[in-house]
Amino acid sequence: MKDMESLVLDQDDEMLSPAVVVATIVLLAVFVVGFLVQIVGLVA
């Protein structure tokens, strides 16, 4: 059972890693865009 769980976890890690990286980049991009919009709003 442990061997099967290890294989499943390994597969999940390989599948989740790219998804986590993409999600992090998207969240950072949204945060930066929102921050820039606030700056433009204050300046304007």
Protein backbone atom coordinates (compact mmCIF):
# COMPACT_ATOMS: atom_id res chain seq x y z
CA MET A 1 0.00 0.00 0.00
CA LYS A 2 2.78 2.44 0.89
CA ASP A 3 4.45 1.81 -2.47
CA MET A 4 1.21 2.67 -4.30
CA GLU A 5 0.73 5.80 -2.18
CA SER A 6 4.31 6.87 -2.92
CA LEU A 7 3.74 6.47 -6.66
CA VAL A 8 0.49 8.45 -6.49
CA LEU A 9 2.13 11.21 -4.44
CA ASP A 10 5.05 11.37 -6.88
CA GLN A 11 2.65 11.71 -9.81
CA ASP A 12 0.64 14.37 -7.95
CA ASP A 13 3.81 16.36 -7.20
CA GLU A 14 4.83 16.29 -10.86
CA MET A 15 1.36 17.41 -11.93
CA LEU A 16 0.92 20.02 -9.17
CA SER A 17 4.32 21.71 -9.47
CA PRO A 18 3.63 23.41 -12.85
CA ALA A 19 0.09 24.29 -11.72
CA VAL A 20 1.42 25.88 -8.50
CA VAL A 21 4.02 27.88 -10.45
CA VAL A 22 1.40 29.12 -12.94
CA ALA A 23 -1.05 29.98 -10.16
CA THR A 24 1.65 31.90 -8.28
CA ILE A 25 2.61 33.87 -11.41
CA VAL A 26 -1.05 34.67 -12.12
CA LEU A 27 -1.66 35.85 -8.54
CA LEU A 28 1.48 38.02 -8.63
CA ALA A 29 0.45 39.46 -12.00
CA VAL A 30 -3.04 40.31 -10.71
CA PHE A 31 -1.56 41.91 -7.58
CA VAL A 32 0.92 44.00 -9.64
CA VAL A 33 -1.80 45.12 -12.07
CA GLY A 34 -4.09 46.11 -9.20
CA PHE A 35 -1.23 47.99 -7.52
CA LEU A 36 -0.42 49.86 -10.75
CA VAL A 37 -4.10 50.74 -11.21
CA GLN A 38 -4.19 52.22 -7.70
CA ILE A 39 -1.04 54.28 -8.42
CA VAL A 40 -2.49 55.57 -11.70
CA GLY A 41 -5.76 56.36 -9.88
CA LEU A 42 -3.90 58.35 -7.19
CA VAL A 43 -1.77 60.23 -9.76
CA ALA A 44 -4.75 60.93 -12.00
